[in-house]
N, C-alpha and C. Protein backbone atom coordinates (compact mmCIF):
# COMPACT_ATOMS: atom_id res chain seq x y z
N UNK A 1 135.85 11.54 -3.30
CA UNK A 1 134.91 10.44 -3.21
C UNK A 1 134.61 10.20 -1.70
N UNK A 2 133.33 9.74 -1.56
CA UNK A 2 132.81 9.39 -0.23
C UNK A 2 132.69 7.80 -0.13
N UNK A 3 133.25 7.20 0.77
CA UNK A 3 133.10 5.83 1.00
C UNK A 3 132.13 5.60 2.15
N UNK A 4 131.07 4.75 2.08
CA UNK A 4 130.29 4.48 3.21
C UNK A 4 129.63 3.16 3.06
N UNK A 5 129.10 2.62 4.17
CA UNK A 5 128.55 1.34 4.22
C UNK A 5 127.06 1.52 4.44
N UNK A 6 126.19 0.62 3.97
CA UNK A 6 124.86 0.56 4.25
C UNK A 6 124.63 0.28 5.81
N UNK A 7 123.82 1.09 6.33
CA UNK A 7 123.54 0.91 7.79
C UNK A 7 122.91 -0.45 8.16
N UNK A 8 122.24 -0.98 7.14
CA UNK A 8 121.65 -2.31 7.46
C UNK A 8 122.41 -3.57 7.27
N UNK A 9 123.01 -3.59 6.05
CA UNK A 9 123.73 -4.84 5.67
C UNK A 9 125.18 -4.73 5.52
N UNK A 10 125.72 -3.48 5.64
CA UNK A 10 127.17 -3.26 5.57
C UNK A 10 127.72 -3.34 4.04
N UNK A 11 126.87 -3.28 3.17
CA UNK A 11 127.33 -3.30 1.69
C UNK A 11 128.04 -1.96 1.52
N UNK A 12 129.27 -2.03 0.98
CA UNK A 12 130.07 -0.81 0.90
C UNK A 12 129.86 -0.11 -0.40
N UNK A 13 129.91 1.22 -0.45
CA UNK A 13 129.61 2.08 -1.61
C UNK A 13 130.64 3.13 -1.65
N UNK A 14 130.97 3.69 -2.87
CA UNK A 14 131.93 4.86 -3.06
C UNK A 14 131.17 5.70 -4.11
N UNK A 15 130.96 6.94 -3.69
CA UNK A 15 130.17 7.88 -4.50
C UNK A 15 130.98 9.24 -4.60
N UNK A 16 130.56 9.97 -5.54
CA UNK A 16 131.15 11.39 -5.75
C UNK A 16 130.68 12.33 -4.61
N UNK A 17 131.53 13.18 -4.25
CA UNK A 17 131.21 14.26 -3.13
C UNK A 17 129.98 14.99 -3.37
N UNK A 18 129.50 15.09 -4.55
CA UNK A 18 128.29 15.85 -5.03
C UNK A 18 127.02 15.14 -4.54
N UNK A 19 127.09 13.89 -4.11
CA UNK A 19 125.91 13.19 -3.63
C UNK A 19 125.74 13.23 -2.17
N UNK A 20 126.62 13.94 -1.41
CA UNK A 20 126.61 14.14 0.14
C UNK A 20 125.10 14.64 0.46
N UNK A 21 124.58 13.97 1.50
CA UNK A 21 123.38 14.26 1.97
C UNK A 21 122.10 13.69 1.30
N UNK A 22 122.31 13.16 0.15
CA UNK A 22 121.22 12.50 -0.66
C UNK A 22 120.92 11.19 -0.07
N UNK A 23 119.57 10.81 -0.35
CA UNK A 23 119.15 9.57 0.08
C UNK A 23 119.37 8.55 -1.02
N UNK A 24 119.79 7.31 -0.64
CA UNK A 24 120.12 6.30 -1.64
C UNK A 24 119.52 5.00 -1.17
N UNK A 25 119.05 4.17 -2.13
CA UNK A 25 118.48 2.74 -1.64
C UNK A 25 119.72 1.79 -1.88
N UNK A 26 119.87 0.90 -0.84
CA UNK A 26 120.87 -0.11 -0.95
C UNK A 26 120.55 -1.08 -2.13
N UNK A 27 121.33 -1.46 -2.97
CA UNK A 27 121.16 -2.42 -4.03
C UNK A 27 121.01 -3.83 -3.40
N UNK A 28 121.69 -4.02 -2.26
CA UNK A 28 121.67 -5.33 -1.70
C UNK A 28 120.40 -5.67 -0.90
N UNK A 29 120.11 -4.76 0.13
CA UNK A 29 118.97 -5.03 0.94
C UNK A 29 117.79 -4.15 0.87
N UNK A 30 117.89 -3.10 0.02
CA UNK A 30 116.77 -2.01 -0.40
C UNK A 30 116.56 -1.21 0.74
N UNK A 31 117.27 -1.01 1.81
CA UNK A 31 117.11 -0.04 2.90
C UNK A 31 117.56 1.33 2.33
N UNK A 32 116.91 2.29 2.99
CA UNK A 32 117.26 3.67 2.56
C UNK A 32 118.42 4.17 3.46
N UNK A 33 119.45 4.80 2.84
CA UNK A 33 120.62 5.37 3.48
C UNK A 33 120.73 6.87 3.10
N UNK A 34 121.35 7.63 4.02
CA UNK A 34 121.59 9.02 3.69
C UNK A 34 123.29 9.02 3.57
N UNK A 35 123.60 9.52 2.36
CA UNK A 35 125.10 9.61 1.98
C UNK A 35 125.79 10.62 2.95
N UNK A 36 126.70 10.26 3.73
CA UNK A 36 127.38 11.02 4.58
C UNK A 36 128.22 12.19 3.87
N UNK A 37 128.47 13.20 4.72
CA UNK A 37 129.27 14.39 4.15
C UNK A 37 130.71 13.89 4.19
N UNK A 38 131.55 14.52 3.19
CA UNK A 38 132.90 14.16 3.16
C UNK A 38 133.63 14.47 4.54
N UNK A 39 133.28 15.50 5.22
CA UNK A 39 133.94 15.80 6.59
C UNK A 39 133.59 14.68 7.51
N UNK A 40 132.35 14.15 7.49
CA UNK A 40 132.00 13.07 8.44
C UNK A 40 132.82 11.88 8.10
N UNK A 41 133.04 11.52 6.78
CA UNK A 41 133.86 10.39 6.48
C UNK A 41 135.28 10.61 6.95
N UNK A 42 135.90 11.83 6.89
CA UNK A 42 137.30 12.04 7.27
C UNK A 42 137.51 11.68 8.84
N UNK A 43 136.41 12.18 9.57
CA UNK A 43 136.69 11.92 11.04
C UNK A 43 136.32 10.66 11.46
N UNK A 44 135.72 9.83 10.70
CA UNK A 44 135.45 8.35 11.01
C UNK A 44 134.10 8.21 11.76
N UNK A 45 133.34 9.36 11.91
CA UNK A 45 132.13 9.31 12.63
C UNK A 45 131.02 8.34 11.87
N UNK A 46 131.16 8.27 10.67
CA UNK A 46 130.25 7.37 9.89
C UNK A 46 130.26 5.97 10.26
N UNK A 47 131.51 5.50 10.58
CA UNK A 47 131.62 4.08 11.00
C UNK A 47 131.06 3.94 12.43
N UNK A 48 131.21 4.94 13.24
CA UNK A 48 130.66 4.73 14.57
C UNK A 48 129.11 4.71 14.57
N UNK A 49 128.49 5.68 13.74
CA UNK A 49 127.03 5.65 13.52
C UNK A 49 126.60 4.28 12.90
N UNK A 50 127.14 3.75 11.98
CA UNK A 50 126.82 2.52 11.39
C UNK A 50 126.85 1.51 12.37
N UNK A 51 127.93 1.42 13.21
CA UNK A 51 128.08 0.39 14.24
C UNK A 51 127.05 0.56 15.21
N UNK A 52 126.71 1.80 15.68
CA UNK A 52 125.59 2.02 16.64
C UNK A 52 124.25 1.45 16.04
N UNK A 53 123.92 1.85 14.70
CA UNK A 53 122.78 1.45 14.08
C UNK A 53 122.66 -0.15 14.09
N UNK A 54 123.82 -0.82 13.79
CA UNK A 54 123.82 -2.21 13.73
C UNK A 54 123.62 -2.86 15.11
N UNK A 55 124.10 -2.33 16.15
CA UNK A 55 123.96 -2.67 17.42
C UNK A 55 122.35 -2.58 17.92
N UNK A 56 121.89 -1.38 17.56
CA UNK A 56 120.49 -1.08 17.85
C UNK A 56 119.55 -2.15 17.11
N UNK A 57 119.87 -2.38 15.93
CA UNK A 57 119.05 -3.35 15.16
C UNK A 57 119.13 -4.86 15.74
N UNK A 58 120.41 -5.21 16.22
CA UNK A 58 120.48 -6.49 16.80
C UNK A 58 119.61 -6.56 18.14
N UNK A 59 119.76 -5.45 19.00
CA UNK A 59 118.99 -5.48 20.24
C UNK A 59 117.45 -5.48 19.96
N UNK A 60 116.99 -4.81 18.92
CA UNK A 60 115.67 -4.84 18.62
C UNK A 60 115.14 -6.23 18.18
N UNK A 61 116.03 -6.86 17.36
CA UNK A 61 115.74 -8.22 16.98
C UNK A 61 115.68 -9.08 18.15
N UNK A 62 116.63 -8.97 19.04
CA UNK A 62 116.65 -9.90 20.27
C UNK A 62 115.45 -9.73 21.14
N UNK A 63 115.02 -8.47 21.20
CA UNK A 63 113.80 -8.05 21.96
C UNK A 63 112.45 -8.80 21.41
N UNK A 64 112.42 -8.77 20.15
CA UNK A 64 111.28 -9.47 19.46
C UNK A 64 111.18 -10.89 19.90
N UNK A 65 112.30 -11.51 20.01
CA UNK A 65 112.33 -13.06 20.29
C UNK A 65 112.37 -13.37 21.77
N UNK A 66 112.54 -12.40 22.59
CA UNK A 66 112.66 -12.63 24.00
C UNK A 66 111.16 -12.97 24.62
N UNK A 67 111.25 -13.94 25.70
CA UNK A 67 109.98 -14.28 26.23
C UNK A 67 109.30 -13.17 27.08
N UNK A 68 108.03 -13.24 27.08
CA UNK A 68 107.30 -12.22 27.90
C UNK A 68 107.44 -12.70 29.49
N UNK A 69 107.69 -11.63 30.21
CA UNK A 69 107.78 -11.90 31.67
C UNK A 69 106.66 -11.23 32.36
N UNK A 70 105.88 -11.79 33.25
CA UNK A 70 104.88 -11.07 33.97
C UNK A 70 105.25 -10.89 35.35
N UNK A 71 105.07 -9.61 35.93
CA UNK A 71 105.57 -9.26 37.23
C UNK A 71 104.34 -9.60 38.19
N UNK A 72 104.50 -10.07 39.48
CA UNK A 72 103.49 -10.38 40.32
C UNK A 72 103.32 -8.99 41.25
N UNK A 73 102.18 -8.60 41.53
CA UNK A 73 101.96 -7.39 42.37
C UNK A 73 102.07 -7.78 43.73
């Protein structure tokens, strides 16, 4: 069995190894995820990638709400 979390909302899933590499839509937030391989799951890399994706998403969200700064020449 492969255990993984949605890269957007962290909803957890558990699927058969036969679904490795397939795309799946999260039932919670509707984002598309790629099911990791069983090897990736065993090494813990999937958690690191999910954490990186969440950090990137938060940074992009903060960037959208940050004020515009103009530089003087």
